Every structure is written in structure tokens, then in C-alpha cells.
C-alpha atoms as a PDB file:
ATOM      1  CA  MET A   1     -62.198 -50.245  46.416  1.00  0.00           C
ATOM      2  CA  SER A   2     -64.878 -52.871  45.789  1.00  0.00           C
ATOM      3  CA  LYS A   3     -64.565 -56.424  46.940  1.00  0.00           C
ATOM      4  CA  VAL A   4     -64.977 -59.157  44.365  1.00  0.00           C
ATOM      5  CA  ALA A   5     -66.056 -62.650  45.378  1.00  0.00           C
ATOM      6  CA  TYR A   6     -64.285 -65.395  43.511  1.00  0.00           C
ATOM      7  CA  ILE A   7     -65.730 -68.857  43.163  1.00  0.00           C
ATOM      8  CA  LYS A   8     -63.024 -71.321  43.970  1.00  0.00           C
ATOM      9  CA  LYS A   9     -62.884 -74.572  42.039  1.00  0.00           C
ATOM     10  CA  PRO A  10     -62.677 -77.604  44.351  1.00  0.00           C
ATOM     11  CA  SER A  11     -59.373 -79.418  44.457  1.00  0.00           C
ATOM     12  CA  LYS A  12     -58.268 -82.646  46.094  1.00  0.00           C
ATOM     13  CA  THR A  13     -55.658 -80.987  48.287  1.00  0.00           C
ATOM     14  CA  ASP A  14     -57.942 -78.269  49.644  1.00  0.00           C
ATOM     15  CA  ASP A  15     -59.578 -78.803  53.049  1.00  0.00           C
ATOM     16  CA  GLY A  16     -62.699 -77.011  51.895  1.00  0.00           C
ATOM     17  CA  PRO A  17     -64.397 -73.878  53.080  1.00  0.00           C
ATOM     18  CA  LEU A  18     -65.038 -75.177  56.588  1.00  0.00           C
ATOM     19  CA  LYS A  19     -62.986 -76.334  59.488  1.00  0.00           C
ATOM     20  CA  ASP A  20     -64.352 -78.473  62.296  1.00  0.00           C
ATOM     21  CA  ASN A  21     -64.995 -75.619  64.694  1.00  0.00           C
ATOM     22  CA  GLU A  22     -66.849 -73.269  62.352  1.00  0.00           C
ATOM     23  CA  ALA A  23     -70.592 -72.804  62.701  1.00  0.00           C
ATOM     24  CA  LYS A  24     -71.808 -72.377  59.121  1.00  0.00           C
ATOM     25  CA  GLU A  25     -71.719 -75.987  57.994  1.00  0.00           C
ATOM     26  CA  GLU A  26     -74.416 -75.744  55.323  1.00  0.00           C
ATOM     27  CA  HIS A  27     -71.929 -74.017  53.005  1.00  0.00           C
ATOM     28  CA  GLY A  28     -69.594 -77.014  53.089  1.00  0.00           C
ATOM     29  CA  ILE A  29     -72.126 -79.550  51.800  1.00  0.00           C
ATOM     30  CA  PRO A  30     -72.407 -78.109  48.249  1.00  0.00           C
ATOM     31  CA  TYR A  31     -68.632 -77.767  48.123  1.00  0.00           C
ATOM     32  CA  TYR A  32     -68.011 -81.426  48.886  1.00  0.00           C
ATOM     33  CA  LEU A  33     -70.837 -82.589  46.620  1.00  0.00           C
ATOM     34  CA  GLY A  34     -69.189 -80.637  43.806  1.00  0.00           C
ATOM     35  CA  LEU A  35     -65.867 -82.190  44.675  1.00  0.00           C
ATOM     36  CA  LEU A  36     -67.385 -85.659  44.416  1.00  0.00           C
ATOM     37  CA  LYS A  37     -68.723 -84.846  40.944  1.00  0.00           C
ATOM     38  CA  THR A  38     -65.207 -84.165  39.717  1.00  0.00           C
ATOM     39  CA  SER A  39     -63.507 -87.010  41.591  1.00  0.00           C
ATOM     40  CA  PRO A  40     -65.941 -89.690  42.799  1.00  0.00           C
ATOM     41  CA  LEU A  41     -63.240 -91.646  44.674  1.00  0.00           C
ATOM     42  CA  ASP A  42     -62.242 -88.883  47.096  1.00  0.00           C
ATOM     43  CA  GLN A  43     -62.347 -90.547  50.508  1.00  0.00           C
ATOM     44  CA  LYS A  44     -61.839 -87.298  52.407  1.00  0.00           C
ATOM     45  CA  ALA A  45     -64.838 -85.647  50.738  1.00  0.00           C
ATOM     46  CA  TYR A  46     -67.085 -88.580  51.634  1.00  0.00           C
ATOM     47  CA  ASN A  47     -65.926 -88.474  55.253  1.00  0.00           C
ATOM     48  CA  ARG A  48     -66.497 -84.722  55.538  1.00  0.00           C
ATOM     49  CA  LEU A  49     -69.975 -85.010  54.026  1.00  0.00           C
ATOM     50  CA  MET A  50     -70.864 -87.744  56.499  1.00  0.00           C
ATOM     51  CA  ILE A  51     -69.697 -85.551  59.371  1.00  0.00           C
ATOM     52  CA  LEU A  52     -71.594 -82.502  58.102  1.00  0.00           C
ATOM     53  CA  TYR A  53     -74.838 -84.434  57.614  1.00  0.00           C
ATOM     54  CA  ARG A  54     -74.513 -86.017  61.046  1.00  0.00           C
ATOM     55  CA  ARG A  55     -74.007 -82.626  62.704  1.00  0.00           C
ATOM     56  CA  ALA A  56     -77.064 -81.316  60.862  1.00  0.00           C
ATOM     57  CA  LYS A  57     -78.992 -84.415  62.077  1.00  0.00           C
ATOM     58  CA  GLU A  58     -79.875 -85.333  58.490  1.00  0.00           C
ATOM     59  CA  TYR A  59     -79.398 -89.055  58.933  1.00  0.00           C
ATOM     60  CA  SER A  60     -81.207 -90.111  55.757  1.00  0.00           C
ATOM     61  CA  LYS A  61     -78.867 -87.971  53.639  1.00  0.00           C
ATOM     62  CA  GLU A  62     -75.883 -89.328  55.556  1.00  0.00           C
ATOM     63  CA  LEU A  63     -77.059 -92.862  54.812  1.00  0.00           C
ATOM     64  CA  LYS A  64     -77.302 -92.034  51.095  1.00  0.00           C
ATOM     65  CA  ILE A  65     -73.741 -90.699  51.107  1.00  0.00           C
ATOM     66  CA  ILE A  66     -72.475 -93.785  52.963  1.00  0.00           C
ATOM     67  CA  ASP A  67     -74.187 -96.115  50.480  1.00  0.00           C
ATOM     68  CA  ARG A  68     -72.820 -94.122  47.550  1.00  0.00           C
ATOM     69  CA  ALA A  69     -69.294 -94.196  48.971  1.00  0.00           C
ATOM     70  CA  ILE A  70     -69.401 -97.940  49.591  1.00  0.00           C
ATOM     71  CA  LYS A  71     -70.756 -98.559  46.098  1.00  0.00           C
ATOM     72  CA  GLU A  72     -68.069 -96.414  44.439  1.00  0.00           C
ATOM     73  CA  PHE A  73     -65.172 -97.983  46.330  1.00  0.00           C
ATOM     74  CA  ARG A  74     -66.425-101.561  45.926  1.00  0.00           C
ATOM     75  CA  GLY A  75     -66.772-100.947  42.209  1.00  0.00           C
ATOM     76  CA  PHE A  76     -63.258 -99.551  42.102  1.00  0.00           C
ATOM     77  CA  TYR A  77     -61.739-102.479  44.010  1.00  0.00           C
ATOM     78  CA  ASN A  78     -63.676-105.095  42.048  1.00  0.00           C
ATOM     79  CA  SER A  79     -62.729-103.601  38.682  1.00  0.00           C
ATOM     80  CA  HIS A  80     -59.034-104.022  39.500  1.00  0.00           C
ATOM     81  CA  ARG A  81     -59.434-107.671  40.420  1.00  0.00           C
ATOM     82  CA  LYS A  82     -60.375-108.926  36.989  1.00  0.00           C
ATOM     83  CA  VAL A  83     -57.477-110.962  35.701  1.00  0.00           C
ATOM     84  CA  ALA A  84     -57.172-111.812  32.016  1.00  0.00           C
ATOM     85  CA  VAL A  85     -55.145-114.994  32.451  1.00  0.00           C
ATOM     86  CA  LYS A  86     -57.185-117.810  33.961  1.00  0.00           C
ATOM     87  CA  ASN A  87     -54.119-119.562  35.390  1.00  0.00           C
ATOM     88  CA  VAL A  88     -53.122-116.487  37.410  1.00  0.00           C
ATOM     89  CA  GLN A  89     -56.664-116.126  38.728  1.00  0.00           C
ATOM     90  CA  HIS A  90     -56.690-119.788  39.820  1.00  0.00           C
ATOM     91  CA  ILE A  91     -53.354-119.429  41.638  1.00  0.00           C
ATOM     92  CA  SER A  92     -54.537-116.226  43.350  1.00  0.00           C
ATOM     93  CA  LYS A  93     -57.681-117.914  44.655  1.00  0.00           C
ATOM     94  CA  LYS A  94     -55.664-120.837  46.023  1.00  0.00           C
ATOM     95  CA  LEU A  95     -53.159-118.500  47.668  1.00  0.00           C
ATOM     96  CA  ASN A  96     -55.890-116.411  49.297  1.00  0.00           C
ATOM     97  CA  ARG A  97     -57.590-119.527  50.606  1.00  0.00           C
ATOM     98  CA  SER A  98     -54.349-120.987  51.981  1.00  0.00           C
ATOM     99  CA  LEU A  99     -53.447-117.690  53.706  1.00  0.00           C
ATOM    100  CA  GLY A 100     -56.864-117.554  55.332  1.00  0.00           C
ATOM    101  CA  LEU A 101     -58.021-114.434  53.526  1.00  0.00           C
ATOM    102  CA  THR A 102     -61.087-116.123  52.000  1.00  0.00           C
ATOM    103  CA  ASP A 103     -63.398-118.976  52.887  1.00  0.00           C
ATOM    104  CA  ASP A 104     -63.960-122.087  50.756  1.00  0.00           C
ATOM    105  CA  LYS A 105     -66.529-120.289  48.590  1.00  0.00           C
ATOM    106  CA  GLY A 106     -64.170-117.395  47.857  1.00  0.00           C
ATOM    107  CA  LYS A 107     -65.813-114.790  50.092  1.00  0.00           C
ATOM    108  CA  GLU A 108     -63.301-112.469  51.726  1.00  0.00           C
ATOM    109  CA  PHE A 109     -63.031-112.229  55.499  1.00  0.00           C
ATOM    110  CA  PHE A 110     -61.574-108.711  55.502  1.00  0.00           C
ATOM    111  CA  GLN A 111     -62.682-105.573  53.695  1.00  0.00           C
ATOM    112  CA  GLN A 112     -60.532-102.718  52.487  1.00  0.00           C
ATOM    113  CA  GLU A 113     -60.224 -99.923  55.016  1.00  0.00           C
ATOM    114  CA  PRO A 114     -62.609 -97.184  53.986  1.00  0.00           C
ATOM    115  CA  ILE A 115     -65.354 -99.716  53.287  1.00  0.00           C
ATOM    116  CA  ALA A 116     -65.012-101.414  56.677  1.00  0.00           C
ATOM    117  CA  SER A 117     -65.300 -98.163  58.637  1.00  0.00           C
ATOM    118  CA  TRP A 118     -68.202 -96.970  56.485  1.00  0.00           C
ATOM    119  CA  GLU A 119     -70.061-100.235  57.093  1.00  0.00           C
ATOM    120  CA  LYS A 120     -69.793 -99.614  60.854  1.00  0.00           C
ATOM    121  CA  ARG A 121     -70.930 -96.035  60.390  1.00  0.00           C
ATOM    122  CA  ARG A 122     -73.854 -97.279  58.283  1.00  0.00           C
ATOM    123  CA  GLN A 123     -75.042 -99.532  61.122  1.00  0.00           C
ATOM    124  CA  VAL A 124     -74.976 -96.593  63.557  1.00  0.00           C
ATOM    125  CA  VAL A 125     -77.025 -94.426  61.184  1.00  0.00           C
ATOM    126  CA  LEU A 126     -79.566 -97.195  60.638  1.00  0.00           C
ATOM    127  CA  LYS A 127     -80.054 -97.449  64.420  1.00  0.00           C
ATOM    128  CA  LYS A 128     -80.613 -93.691  64.631  1.00  0.00           C
ATOM    129  CA  LEU A 129     -83.197 -93.836  61.855  1.00  0.00           C
ATOM    130  CA  GLU A 130     -85.274 -96.506  63.628  1.00  0.00           C
END
């Protein structure tokens, strides 16, 4: 009986071909890159790619993935903030300022979660590249 190798299509619920303790990590990178082509807002795929590149000591590639992830998620969050009604936008800005979420110029004090952790990770990678 011959064995047939099937190519598995990436899915969001799948953990991928690798677990943390397996040695052959180079096979996981193409998998997660393919997953990001189909769903560019998959936080888990970005995190796994960052881990795989760090373990392979490919810090420049890790930095590219971090920048790409931050760009994608900022674009996603900013696209949902556009409000059609000017009155609602004005009230939202006042509310955010009064709650202490933004400064007087409208710049936010806090970032959404994946972006904040990726910014910290980005600083660590930049130090390693120096």
C-alpha cells in the first residue's frame, strides 16, 4: 500500500504543522505565511511567525513581520473609526477626552492589545539588531 501525501489547506482553527517542542521549525514558516495570505488579520499566525523567526535568529525577518502586523491591525482599527455623522464624531471626541483616553490633541494614551505587545516586541528586536 503506497502512502499519499496530502497538502492541507491552512485554516484559522488549526494550530499548524508544528508545536512548540518540535525541532523542524522551518516547515512552519511557509504554512503561516500562507495562512496570512488568506486571512491577513490572524493574530495567532503573526505571533507564531514571530516566535519561529526569533528561534531561527532571523531578527530582520521578525522585524518585517512585526511591522506588517502592526500596519494591518492599525489599518483595521482606524477603518472602523470613521463616523459618517459629524455630530456623533464630535461627541465621541469629547467623551474620550473627558474620560482621559486621549490628550487635548486627540492622540490616544492606550493602544489596542495586539499592537501594544507587538510594539514592545519590536523594541526588543531593534536592540538585538544593533
